[in-house]
N, C-alpha and C. Protein backbone atom coordinates (compact mmCIF):
# COMPACT_ATOMS: atom_id res chain seq x y z
N MET A 1 -22.91 -25.77 11.87
CA MET A 1 -22.46 -25.72 13.26
C MET A 1 -21.24 -24.82 13.37
N ASP A 2 -21.16 -24.01 14.42
CA ASP A 2 -20.00 -23.17 14.65
C ASP A 2 -18.83 -24.03 15.07
N ILE A 3 -17.76 -24.03 14.27
CA ILE A 3 -16.61 -24.87 14.57
C ILE A 3 -15.99 -24.50 15.90
N THR A 4 -16.03 -23.22 16.25
CA THR A 4 -15.46 -22.79 17.52
C THR A 4 -16.09 -23.55 18.68
N ASN A 5 -17.41 -23.67 18.66
CA ASN A 5 -18.12 -24.34 19.74
C ASN A 5 -17.99 -25.85 19.66
N ALA A 6 -17.65 -26.36 18.48
CA ALA A 6 -17.57 -27.81 18.30
C ALA A 6 -16.21 -28.37 18.68
N THR A 7 -15.19 -27.51 18.88
CA THR A 7 -13.86 -27.98 19.20
C THR A 7 -13.86 -28.69 20.54
N VAL A 8 -13.28 -29.89 20.55
CA VAL A 8 -13.24 -30.71 21.76
C VAL A 8 -11.79 -30.93 22.14
N GLY A 9 -11.52 -30.97 23.44
CA GLY A 9 -10.17 -31.24 23.89
C GLY A 9 -9.36 -29.99 24.10
N ALA A 10 -8.06 -30.18 24.21
CA ALA A 10 -7.15 -29.07 24.49
C ALA A 10 -7.12 -28.08 23.34
N PRO A 11 -6.88 -26.82 23.64
CA PRO A 11 -6.75 -25.84 22.55
C PRO A 11 -5.63 -26.22 21.60
N LEU A 12 -5.80 -25.85 20.35
CA LEU A 12 -4.75 -26.06 19.36
C LEU A 12 -3.65 -25.03 19.56
N THR A 13 -2.41 -25.46 19.43
CA THR A 13 -1.29 -24.52 19.45
C THR A 13 -1.19 -23.89 18.08
N LEU A 14 -1.43 -22.58 18.01
CA LEU A 14 -1.40 -21.84 16.76
C LEU A 14 -0.16 -20.96 16.72
N ALA A 15 0.70 -21.18 15.73
CA ALA A 15 1.90 -20.38 15.58
C ALA A 15 1.66 -19.30 14.53
N LEU A 16 1.82 -18.06 14.94
CA LEU A 16 1.75 -16.93 14.02
C LEU A 16 3.16 -16.62 13.55
N VAL A 17 3.42 -16.80 12.25
CA VAL A 17 4.73 -16.52 11.67
C VAL A 17 4.66 -15.14 11.02
N VAL A 18 5.39 -14.19 11.58
CA VAL A 18 5.44 -12.84 11.04
C VAL A 18 6.62 -12.80 10.07
N ALA A 19 6.32 -12.71 8.78
CA ALA A 19 7.33 -12.99 7.76
C ALA A 19 8.25 -11.83 7.45
N SER A 20 7.80 -10.61 7.61
CA SER A 20 8.60 -9.47 7.19
C SER A 20 9.72 -9.18 8.18
N ASP A 21 10.91 -8.96 7.64
CA ASP A 21 12.01 -8.48 8.48
C ASP A 21 12.57 -7.17 7.93
N ARG A 22 11.79 -6.52 7.13
CA ARG A 22 12.21 -5.27 6.49
C ARG A 22 12.22 -4.12 7.50
N GLU A 23 13.23 -3.24 7.39
CA GLU A 23 13.29 -2.07 8.24
C GLU A 23 12.07 -1.18 7.99
N GLY A 24 11.46 -0.72 9.08
CA GLY A 24 10.28 0.13 8.97
C GLY A 24 9.02 -0.61 8.61
N ARG A 25 9.00 -1.91 8.76
CA ARG A 25 7.87 -2.75 8.36
C ARG A 25 6.58 -2.37 9.10
N PHE A 26 5.45 -2.70 8.46
CA PHE A 26 4.13 -2.43 9.02
C PHE A 26 3.56 -3.67 9.73
N ALA A 27 4.25 -4.78 9.61
CA ALA A 27 3.75 -6.06 10.13
C ALA A 27 3.36 -6.04 11.60
N PRO A 28 4.11 -5.37 12.50
CA PRO A 28 3.70 -5.42 13.90
C PRO A 28 2.31 -4.87 14.18
N VAL A 29 1.89 -3.87 13.41
CA VAL A 29 0.54 -3.31 13.60
C VAL A 29 -0.51 -4.36 13.28
N ILE A 30 -0.32 -5.07 12.17
CA ILE A 30 -1.28 -6.09 11.76
C ILE A 30 -1.21 -7.28 12.72
N ALA A 31 0.00 -7.64 13.14
CA ALA A 31 0.16 -8.76 14.08
C ALA A 31 -0.56 -8.48 15.39
N ASP A 32 -0.46 -7.26 15.90
CA ASP A 32 -1.15 -6.93 17.15
C ASP A 32 -2.66 -7.06 16.99
N TRP A 33 -3.18 -6.61 15.85
CA TRP A 33 -4.62 -6.75 15.59
C TRP A 33 -5.00 -8.23 15.56
N PHE A 34 -4.22 -9.04 14.84
CA PHE A 34 -4.57 -10.45 14.71
C PHE A 34 -4.50 -11.16 16.07
N ARG A 35 -3.53 -10.82 16.85
CA ARG A 35 -3.43 -11.43 18.19
C ARG A 35 -4.67 -11.13 19.01
N SER A 36 -5.22 -9.94 18.84
CA SER A 36 -6.44 -9.60 19.58
C SER A 36 -7.63 -10.45 19.12
N ARG A 37 -7.64 -10.85 17.84
CA ARG A 37 -8.70 -11.71 17.34
C ARG A 37 -8.59 -13.10 17.95
N VAL A 38 -7.39 -13.62 18.01
CA VAL A 38 -7.18 -14.96 18.57
C VAL A 38 -7.46 -14.97 20.07
N ALA A 39 -7.13 -13.88 20.74
CA ALA A 39 -7.31 -13.81 22.19
C ALA A 39 -8.77 -13.93 22.60
N GLU A 40 -9.69 -13.65 21.69
CA GLU A 40 -11.11 -13.74 22.00
C GLU A 40 -11.66 -15.16 21.89
N ARG A 41 -10.82 -16.09 21.47
CA ARG A 41 -11.25 -17.48 21.28
C ARG A 41 -10.62 -18.37 22.34
N ASP A 42 -11.28 -19.50 22.60
CA ASP A 42 -10.72 -20.45 23.57
C ASP A 42 -10.25 -21.75 22.92
N ASP A 43 -10.24 -21.78 21.58
CA ASP A 43 -9.82 -23.01 20.90
C ASP A 43 -8.38 -22.94 20.40
N PHE A 44 -7.69 -21.83 20.67
CA PHE A 44 -6.30 -21.70 20.26
C PHE A 44 -5.43 -21.17 21.40
N ALA A 45 -4.21 -21.66 21.46
CA ALA A 45 -3.16 -21.09 22.30
C ALA A 45 -2.11 -20.54 21.34
N LEU A 46 -1.91 -19.24 21.36
CA LEU A 46 -1.09 -18.58 20.34
C LEU A 46 0.36 -18.45 20.76
N THR A 47 1.26 -18.77 19.81
CA THR A 47 2.67 -18.45 19.94
C THR A 47 3.04 -17.60 18.72
N VAL A 48 4.05 -16.77 18.86
CA VAL A 48 4.46 -15.88 17.77
C VAL A 48 5.92 -16.12 17.43
N LEU A 49 6.18 -16.30 16.15
CA LEU A 49 7.54 -16.42 15.64
C LEU A 49 7.75 -15.26 14.68
N ASP A 50 8.48 -14.25 15.13
CA ASP A 50 8.71 -13.05 14.35
C ASP A 50 10.07 -13.18 13.67
N LEU A 51 10.07 -13.22 12.34
CA LEU A 51 11.32 -13.46 11.63
C LEU A 51 12.28 -12.28 11.69
N ALA A 52 11.82 -11.13 12.15
CA ALA A 52 12.73 -10.02 12.39
C ALA A 52 13.64 -10.31 13.57
N ASP A 53 13.25 -11.26 14.40
CA ASP A 53 14.04 -11.65 15.57
C ASP A 53 14.84 -12.92 15.34
N VAL A 54 14.83 -13.42 14.12
CA VAL A 54 15.51 -14.68 13.78
C VAL A 54 16.69 -14.37 12.88
N THR A 55 17.84 -14.94 13.20
CA THR A 55 19.04 -14.73 12.40
C THR A 55 19.48 -16.05 11.80
N LEU A 56 19.07 -16.29 10.57
CA LEU A 56 19.44 -17.50 9.86
C LEU A 56 20.02 -17.11 8.50
N PRO A 57 21.23 -17.56 8.18
CA PRO A 57 21.79 -17.23 6.86
C PRO A 57 21.00 -17.93 5.76
N THR A 58 21.05 -17.35 4.58
CA THR A 58 20.31 -17.96 3.47
C THR A 58 21.03 -19.15 2.87
N SER A 59 22.29 -19.32 3.16
CA SER A 59 23.02 -20.49 2.66
C SER A 59 22.65 -21.71 3.49
N LEU A 60 22.14 -22.75 2.81
CA LEU A 60 21.70 -23.95 3.51
C LEU A 60 22.85 -24.95 3.62
N SER A 61 22.87 -25.68 4.73
CA SER A 61 23.93 -26.65 4.95
C SER A 61 23.38 -27.83 5.74
N TYR A 62 23.85 -29.04 5.40
CA TYR A 62 23.49 -30.21 6.19
C TYR A 62 24.29 -30.27 7.48
N ASP A 63 25.30 -29.44 7.59
CA ASP A 63 26.14 -29.40 8.79
C ASP A 63 26.34 -27.94 9.20
N PRO A 64 25.28 -27.28 9.69
CA PRO A 64 25.38 -25.86 10.03
C PRO A 64 26.35 -25.61 11.17
N ASP A 65 26.88 -24.40 11.20
CA ASP A 65 27.85 -24.06 12.25
C ASP A 65 27.11 -23.88 13.58
N PRO A 66 27.86 -23.79 14.68
CA PRO A 66 27.22 -23.74 16.01
C PRO A 66 26.23 -22.58 16.18
N ALA A 67 26.51 -21.42 15.57
CA ALA A 67 25.60 -20.29 15.71
C ALA A 67 24.25 -20.58 15.05
N VAL A 68 24.29 -21.21 13.88
CA VAL A 68 23.06 -21.56 13.18
C VAL A 68 22.31 -22.64 13.96
N ARG A 69 23.04 -23.61 14.47
CA ARG A 69 22.40 -24.67 15.27
C ARG A 69 21.69 -24.08 16.49
N ALA A 70 22.33 -23.11 17.11
CA ALA A 70 21.72 -22.48 18.28
C ALA A 70 20.44 -21.73 17.91
N GLU A 71 20.46 -21.08 16.77
CA GLU A 71 19.26 -20.35 16.33
C GLU A 71 18.14 -21.32 15.96
N LEU A 72 18.49 -22.40 15.29
CA LEU A 72 17.49 -23.41 14.96
C LEU A 72 16.92 -24.07 16.21
N ALA A 73 17.74 -24.22 17.22
CA ALA A 73 17.26 -24.81 18.47
C ALA A 73 16.22 -23.92 19.14
N ARG A 74 16.24 -22.63 18.80
CA ARG A 74 15.26 -21.70 19.34
C ARG A 74 14.00 -21.65 18.49
N VAL A 75 14.16 -21.83 17.17
CA VAL A 75 13.06 -21.65 16.22
C VAL A 75 12.30 -22.95 15.96
N THR A 76 13.04 -24.03 15.69
CA THR A 76 12.42 -25.28 15.27
C THR A 76 11.39 -25.81 16.27
N PRO A 77 11.64 -25.78 17.59
CA PRO A 77 10.63 -26.28 18.52
C PRO A 77 9.29 -25.54 18.45
N VAL A 78 9.31 -24.26 18.07
CA VAL A 78 8.06 -23.50 17.94
C VAL A 78 7.22 -24.09 16.81
N LEU A 79 7.88 -24.39 15.68
CA LEU A 79 7.17 -24.98 14.55
C LEU A 79 6.73 -26.40 14.87
N GLU A 80 7.59 -27.15 15.53
CA GLU A 80 7.29 -28.55 15.87
C GLU A 80 6.07 -28.65 16.76
N ALA A 81 5.96 -27.74 17.72
CA ALA A 81 4.88 -27.81 18.70
C ALA A 81 3.55 -27.33 18.15
N ALA A 82 3.56 -26.63 17.03
CA ALA A 82 2.34 -26.04 16.49
C ALA A 82 1.41 -27.10 15.90
N ASP A 83 0.12 -26.93 16.14
CA ASP A 83 -0.90 -27.75 15.48
C ASP A 83 -1.39 -27.08 14.21
N ALA A 84 -1.18 -25.77 14.11
CA ALA A 84 -1.65 -24.99 12.96
C ALA A 84 -0.82 -23.72 12.87
N PHE A 85 -0.85 -23.11 11.68
CA PHE A 85 -0.06 -21.91 11.44
C PHE A 85 -0.90 -20.81 10.80
N VAL A 86 -0.57 -19.58 11.12
CA VAL A 86 -1.00 -18.43 10.34
C VAL A 86 0.25 -17.70 9.92
N VAL A 87 0.38 -17.47 8.63
CA VAL A 87 1.52 -16.75 8.09
C VAL A 87 1.07 -15.34 7.75
N LEU A 88 1.69 -14.37 8.39
CA LEU A 88 1.43 -12.96 8.12
C LEU A 88 2.51 -12.47 7.18
N THR A 89 2.14 -12.19 5.93
CA THR A 89 3.16 -11.87 4.94
C THR A 89 2.82 -10.63 4.12
N PRO A 90 3.83 -9.82 3.84
CA PRO A 90 3.65 -8.78 2.83
C PRO A 90 3.89 -9.36 1.45
N GLU A 91 3.69 -8.53 0.45
CA GLU A 91 4.04 -8.92 -0.92
C GLU A 91 5.17 -8.01 -1.38
N TYR A 92 6.30 -8.62 -1.71
CA TYR A 92 7.44 -7.90 -2.24
C TYR A 92 7.66 -8.33 -3.69
N ASN A 93 7.53 -7.41 -4.62
CA ASN A 93 7.78 -7.72 -6.03
C ASN A 93 7.00 -8.96 -6.50
N HIS A 94 5.72 -8.96 -6.17
CA HIS A 94 4.79 -10.03 -6.57
C HIS A 94 5.09 -11.37 -5.88
N SER A 95 5.79 -11.36 -4.75
CA SER A 95 6.11 -12.61 -4.07
C SER A 95 6.23 -12.36 -2.58
N PHE A 96 6.69 -13.37 -1.86
CA PHE A 96 6.80 -13.28 -0.41
C PHE A 96 8.26 -13.10 0.00
N PRO A 97 8.53 -12.70 1.24
CA PRO A 97 9.89 -12.36 1.65
C PRO A 97 10.83 -13.56 1.66
N ALA A 98 12.10 -13.27 1.40
CA ALA A 98 13.13 -14.31 1.44
C ALA A 98 13.26 -14.92 2.83
N SER A 99 13.01 -14.12 3.87
CA SER A 99 13.09 -14.63 5.24
C SER A 99 12.13 -15.79 5.46
N LEU A 100 10.96 -15.71 4.86
CA LEU A 100 9.98 -16.78 5.00
C LEU A 100 10.39 -18.02 4.22
N LYS A 101 10.86 -17.85 2.99
CA LYS A 101 11.32 -19.00 2.21
C LYS A 101 12.47 -19.70 2.91
N ASN A 102 13.35 -18.94 3.51
CA ASN A 102 14.47 -19.51 4.25
C ASN A 102 13.98 -20.36 5.42
N LEU A 103 13.00 -19.84 6.15
CA LEU A 103 12.44 -20.60 7.27
C LEU A 103 11.79 -21.89 6.78
N ILE A 104 11.01 -21.79 5.71
CA ILE A 104 10.32 -22.97 5.18
C ILE A 104 11.34 -24.01 4.73
N ASP A 105 12.34 -23.58 3.99
CA ASP A 105 13.30 -24.52 3.42
C ASP A 105 14.15 -25.23 4.47
N ARG A 106 14.29 -24.64 5.64
CA ARG A 106 15.08 -25.25 6.70
C ARG A 106 14.29 -26.27 7.51
N HIS A 107 13.02 -26.43 7.21
CA HIS A 107 12.16 -27.36 7.96
C HIS A 107 11.33 -28.18 6.99
N TYR A 108 10.90 -29.33 7.46
CA TYR A 108 10.06 -30.17 6.61
C TYR A 108 8.99 -30.86 7.44
N THR A 109 9.38 -31.75 8.31
CA THR A 109 8.37 -32.48 9.09
C THR A 109 7.56 -31.55 9.98
N GLN A 110 8.13 -30.42 10.33
CA GLN A 110 7.43 -29.50 11.23
C GLN A 110 6.17 -28.90 10.60
N TRP A 111 6.12 -28.84 9.27
CA TRP A 111 4.95 -28.32 8.56
C TRP A 111 3.95 -29.42 8.21
N ARG A 112 4.40 -30.64 8.20
CA ARG A 112 3.68 -31.74 7.55
C ARG A 112 2.36 -32.07 8.25
N ALA A 113 1.31 -32.22 7.43
CA ALA A 113 -0.02 -32.61 7.91
C ALA A 113 -0.56 -31.63 8.95
N LYS A 114 -0.32 -30.35 8.70
CA LYS A 114 -0.85 -29.29 9.56
C LYS A 114 -1.48 -28.22 8.66
N PRO A 115 -2.49 -27.52 9.16
CA PRO A 115 -3.13 -26.48 8.34
C PRO A 115 -2.42 -25.14 8.45
N VAL A 116 -2.50 -24.37 7.36
CA VAL A 116 -1.86 -23.07 7.29
C VAL A 116 -2.88 -22.06 6.76
N GLY A 117 -3.01 -20.94 7.45
CA GLY A 117 -3.84 -19.83 6.98
C GLY A 117 -2.96 -18.62 6.72
N PHE A 118 -3.50 -17.63 6.03
CA PHE A 118 -2.70 -16.48 5.63
C PHE A 118 -3.39 -15.16 5.95
N VAL A 119 -2.59 -14.22 6.45
CA VAL A 119 -2.96 -12.82 6.54
C VAL A 119 -1.95 -12.09 5.67
N SER A 120 -2.42 -11.44 4.62
CA SER A 120 -1.49 -10.81 3.67
C SER A 120 -1.81 -9.34 3.51
N TYR A 121 -0.77 -8.59 3.16
CA TYR A 121 -0.95 -7.16 2.95
C TYR A 121 0.02 -6.68 1.89
N GLY A 122 -0.30 -5.54 1.33
CA GLY A 122 0.54 -4.98 0.29
C GLY A 122 -0.14 -3.78 -0.34
N GLY A 123 0.14 -3.54 -1.61
CA GLY A 123 -0.48 -2.45 -2.33
C GLY A 123 -1.88 -2.82 -2.75
N ILE A 124 -2.20 -2.57 -3.99
CA ILE A 124 -3.56 -2.79 -4.46
C ILE A 124 -3.97 -4.25 -4.42
N SER A 125 -3.01 -5.17 -4.53
CA SER A 125 -3.34 -6.60 -4.54
C SER A 125 -3.55 -7.17 -3.15
N GLY A 126 -3.08 -6.47 -2.12
CA GLY A 126 -3.25 -6.97 -0.76
C GLY A 126 -2.43 -8.20 -0.45
N GLY A 127 -1.44 -8.51 -1.27
CA GLY A 127 -0.58 -9.65 -1.00
C GLY A 127 -1.07 -10.98 -1.53
N ILE A 128 -2.13 -10.98 -2.33
CA ILE A 128 -2.70 -12.27 -2.77
C ILE A 128 -1.76 -13.04 -3.69
N ARG A 129 -0.89 -12.34 -4.42
CA ARG A 129 0.05 -13.05 -5.29
C ARG A 129 1.09 -13.79 -4.45
N ALA A 130 1.50 -13.19 -3.35
CA ALA A 130 2.41 -13.88 -2.43
C ALA A 130 1.75 -15.12 -1.85
N VAL A 131 0.48 -14.99 -1.49
CA VAL A 131 -0.24 -16.13 -0.89
C VAL A 131 -0.41 -17.26 -1.90
N GLU A 132 -0.74 -16.94 -3.13
CA GLU A 132 -0.92 -18.00 -4.12
C GLU A 132 0.38 -18.77 -4.35
N GLN A 133 1.51 -18.09 -4.30
CA GLN A 133 2.78 -18.80 -4.42
C GLN A 133 3.05 -19.65 -3.18
N LEU A 134 2.71 -19.11 -2.02
CA LEU A 134 2.91 -19.87 -0.79
C LEU A 134 2.06 -21.13 -0.74
N ARG A 135 0.90 -21.10 -1.34
CA ARG A 135 0.06 -22.31 -1.36
C ARG A 135 0.79 -23.45 -2.07
N GLN A 136 1.50 -23.14 -3.15
CA GLN A 136 2.26 -24.17 -3.86
C GLN A 136 3.43 -24.68 -3.01
N VAL A 137 4.09 -23.75 -2.34
CA VAL A 137 5.23 -24.14 -1.51
C VAL A 137 4.77 -25.04 -0.36
N TYR A 138 3.70 -24.65 0.30
CA TYR A 138 3.23 -25.45 1.44
C TYR A 138 2.64 -26.79 1.00
N ALA A 139 2.10 -26.87 -0.21
CA ALA A 139 1.67 -28.18 -0.72
C ALA A 139 2.86 -29.13 -0.80
N GLU A 140 4.01 -28.63 -1.19
CA GLU A 140 5.21 -29.45 -1.25
C GLU A 140 5.65 -29.90 0.14
N MET A 141 5.29 -29.12 1.15
CA MET A 141 5.62 -29.47 2.54
C MET A 141 4.60 -30.43 3.14
N HIS A 142 3.61 -30.85 2.36
CA HIS A 142 2.53 -31.72 2.84
C HIS A 142 1.66 -31.01 3.88
N ALA A 143 1.58 -29.69 3.79
CA ALA A 143 0.69 -28.93 4.64
C ALA A 143 -0.63 -28.68 3.91
N VAL A 144 -1.66 -28.32 4.65
CA VAL A 144 -2.98 -28.05 4.10
C VAL A 144 -3.27 -26.57 4.26
N THR A 145 -3.42 -25.84 3.17
CA THR A 145 -3.75 -24.43 3.29
C THR A 145 -5.27 -24.26 3.25
N VAL A 146 -5.79 -23.42 4.14
CA VAL A 146 -7.24 -23.21 4.20
C VAL A 146 -7.63 -22.17 3.17
N ARG A 147 -8.88 -22.24 2.75
CA ARG A 147 -9.35 -21.40 1.64
C ARG A 147 -9.39 -19.92 2.00
N ASP A 148 -9.99 -19.61 3.15
CA ASP A 148 -10.24 -18.21 3.49
C ASP A 148 -9.10 -17.63 4.30
N GLY A 149 -8.90 -16.33 4.15
CA GLY A 149 -7.86 -15.63 4.89
C GLY A 149 -8.20 -14.17 5.01
N VAL A 150 -7.21 -13.38 5.39
CA VAL A 150 -7.38 -11.93 5.51
C VAL A 150 -6.47 -11.28 4.48
N VAL A 151 -7.05 -10.46 3.62
CA VAL A 151 -6.32 -9.77 2.56
C VAL A 151 -6.47 -8.27 2.80
N LEU A 152 -5.34 -7.57 2.91
CA LEU A 152 -5.37 -6.15 3.26
C LEU A 152 -4.68 -5.32 2.18
N PRO A 153 -5.43 -4.88 1.16
CA PRO A 153 -4.84 -3.97 0.17
C PRO A 153 -4.61 -2.59 0.78
N ASN A 154 -3.51 -1.96 0.37
CA ASN A 154 -3.17 -0.63 0.88
C ASN A 154 -3.35 -0.56 2.40
N ALA A 155 -2.66 -1.48 3.06
CA ALA A 155 -2.90 -1.71 4.49
C ALA A 155 -2.67 -0.48 5.35
N HIS A 156 -1.67 0.31 5.04
CA HIS A 156 -1.40 1.48 5.87
C HIS A 156 -2.63 2.37 6.01
N GLY A 157 -3.37 2.52 4.92
CA GLY A 157 -4.52 3.40 4.93
C GLY A 157 -5.73 2.82 5.64
N GLN A 158 -5.68 1.54 6.01
CA GLN A 158 -6.83 0.92 6.67
C GLN A 158 -6.80 1.09 8.19
N PHE A 159 -5.66 1.55 8.71
CA PHE A 159 -5.51 1.71 10.16
C PHE A 159 -5.42 3.18 10.53
N ASP A 160 -5.90 3.50 11.74
CA ASP A 160 -5.74 4.86 12.23
C ASP A 160 -4.39 5.01 12.92
N GLU A 161 -4.13 6.17 13.51
CA GLU A 161 -2.83 6.44 14.11
C GLU A 161 -2.57 5.61 15.35
N GLU A 162 -3.60 5.03 15.92
CA GLU A 162 -3.44 4.20 17.11
C GLU A 162 -3.38 2.71 16.78
N GLY A 163 -3.29 2.39 15.49
CA GLY A 163 -3.17 1.00 15.08
C GLY A 163 -4.46 0.23 15.10
N ARG A 164 -5.57 0.93 14.95
CA ARG A 164 -6.89 0.27 14.92
C ARG A 164 -7.48 0.41 13.52
N PHE A 165 -8.20 -0.63 13.11
CA PHE A 165 -8.87 -0.57 11.81
C PHE A 165 -9.90 0.55 11.79
N LYS A 166 -9.90 1.30 10.71
CA LYS A 166 -10.93 2.32 10.53
C LYS A 166 -12.29 1.66 10.31
N ASP A 167 -12.30 0.55 9.57
CA ASP A 167 -13.51 -0.24 9.38
C ASP A 167 -13.11 -1.71 9.52
N PRO A 168 -13.32 -2.30 10.69
CA PRO A 168 -12.86 -3.67 10.93
C PRO A 168 -13.78 -4.76 10.39
N THR A 169 -14.91 -4.39 9.79
CA THR A 169 -15.92 -5.38 9.42
C THR A 169 -15.36 -6.49 8.54
N GLY A 170 -14.76 -6.14 7.42
CA GLY A 170 -14.26 -7.14 6.49
C GLY A 170 -13.11 -7.96 7.07
N PRO A 171 -12.07 -7.33 7.62
CA PRO A 171 -10.97 -8.10 8.19
C PRO A 171 -11.40 -9.02 9.33
N GLU A 172 -12.29 -8.56 10.18
CA GLU A 172 -12.73 -9.41 11.29
C GLU A 172 -13.52 -10.60 10.79
N ALA A 173 -14.36 -10.40 9.77
CA ALA A 173 -15.10 -11.52 9.20
C ALA A 173 -14.15 -12.52 8.55
N GLY A 174 -13.14 -12.01 7.83
CA GLY A 174 -12.16 -12.90 7.21
C GLY A 174 -11.36 -13.67 8.23
N ALA A 175 -10.97 -13.00 9.32
CA ALA A 175 -10.21 -13.68 10.37
C ALA A 175 -11.03 -14.78 11.01
N LYS A 176 -12.32 -14.53 11.25
CA LYS A 176 -13.16 -15.56 11.86
C LYS A 176 -13.29 -16.77 10.95
N LEU A 177 -13.55 -16.54 9.66
CA LEU A 177 -13.66 -17.66 8.73
C LEU A 177 -12.38 -18.49 8.72
N MET A 178 -11.24 -17.80 8.62
CA MET A 178 -9.98 -18.51 8.58
C MET A 178 -9.72 -19.29 9.86
N LEU A 179 -9.96 -18.67 11.00
CA LEU A 179 -9.72 -19.35 12.27
C LEU A 179 -10.67 -20.52 12.48
N ASP A 180 -11.91 -20.38 12.03
CA ASP A 180 -12.84 -21.52 12.10
C ASP A 180 -12.33 -22.69 11.26
N GLN A 181 -11.84 -22.39 10.06
CA GLN A 181 -11.32 -23.45 9.21
C GLN A 181 -10.05 -24.06 9.79
N LEU A 182 -9.18 -23.25 10.35
CA LEU A 182 -7.98 -23.78 11.00
C LEU A 182 -8.33 -24.65 12.19
N ALA A 183 -9.37 -24.25 12.94
CA ALA A 183 -9.81 -25.06 14.08
C ALA A 183 -10.29 -26.43 13.62
N TRP A 184 -11.06 -26.45 12.53
CA TRP A 184 -11.57 -27.73 12.02
C TRP A 184 -10.43 -28.61 11.53
N TRP A 185 -9.61 -28.06 10.65
CA TRP A 185 -8.51 -28.85 10.09
C TRP A 185 -7.49 -29.21 11.16
N GLY A 186 -7.18 -28.28 12.04
CA GLY A 186 -6.19 -28.56 13.07
C GLY A 186 -6.63 -29.68 14.00
N THR A 187 -7.91 -29.65 14.39
CA THR A 187 -8.44 -30.69 15.26
C THR A 187 -8.51 -32.02 14.53
N ALA A 188 -9.01 -32.00 13.30
CA ALA A 188 -9.14 -33.23 12.52
C ALA A 188 -7.78 -33.89 12.29
N LEU A 189 -6.79 -33.09 11.91
CA LEU A 189 -5.46 -33.64 11.63
C LEU A 189 -4.77 -34.09 12.91
N ARG A 190 -4.91 -33.34 13.97
CA ARG A 190 -4.31 -33.75 15.24
C ARG A 190 -4.89 -35.06 15.71
N ASP A 191 -6.22 -35.20 15.64
CA ASP A 191 -6.86 -36.44 16.05
C ASP A 191 -6.46 -37.61 15.16
N ALA A 192 -6.39 -37.36 13.84
CA ALA A 192 -6.02 -38.42 12.91
C ALA A 192 -4.60 -38.90 13.15
N LYS A 193 -3.68 -37.98 13.38
CA LYS A 193 -2.28 -38.37 13.60
C LYS A 193 -2.11 -39.11 14.92
N ALA A 194 -3.01 -38.88 15.86
CA ALA A 194 -2.93 -39.62 17.12
C ALA A 194 -3.29 -41.08 16.92
N VAL A 195 -4.09 -41.36 15.90
CA VAL A 195 -4.51 -42.73 15.62
C VAL A 195 -3.58 -43.39 14.61
N ARG A 196 -3.18 -42.62 13.60
CA ARG A 196 -2.34 -43.16 12.53
C ARG A 196 -1.35 -42.10 12.11
N PRO A 197 -0.05 -42.30 12.33
CA PRO A 197 0.96 -41.32 11.92
C PRO A 197 0.87 -41.03 10.43
N TYR A 198 1.10 -39.78 10.09
CA TYR A 198 1.04 -39.38 8.69
C TYR A 198 2.26 -39.94 7.95
N ALA A 199 2.02 -40.56 6.81
CA ALA A 199 3.09 -41.13 5.99
C ALA A 199 3.28 -40.26 4.76
N ALA A 200 4.41 -39.57 4.69
CA ALA A 200 4.68 -38.69 3.55
C ALA A 200 5.09 -39.51 2.34
């Protein structure tokens, strides 16, 4: 059965976390493409959290200063409201960006008992080493990572000058599989938590 057609009730709130904050990053091109994939579905309501627009110091504190509190007041509700996540991440030195680890480490319950999918990009590996590390991190957050995702090796070369895939067949198929799995897990977990709160 097509999970898209089987979804019942309100659309799931899907948060797209754009992890790269590097100068000259390629992430916005991929994010725009992914947003177009989600826009064609009626089972998700998309929000975007772009870490290039987030200013959080890497030093963690149980008593953050007012500037950090103000930034968290802007960021944390986006994660809290999400029923599911897609993390768009590059691979830097066989891992994922510090900006993403900082975001993850500053939150806990906001990730818990929610599904996470990945869109990754990089050189020849397409970011899969970053994703495999993130699976371990999100397991510690009590999140559920879905099996399928979008992997984009040598991503710059896959797009034309107008930001469109030269051959969208593989990425579009991967995006559909991932979104179908997120729809299933997101709906199942949302319904389950409505009956019985998740106990970590």
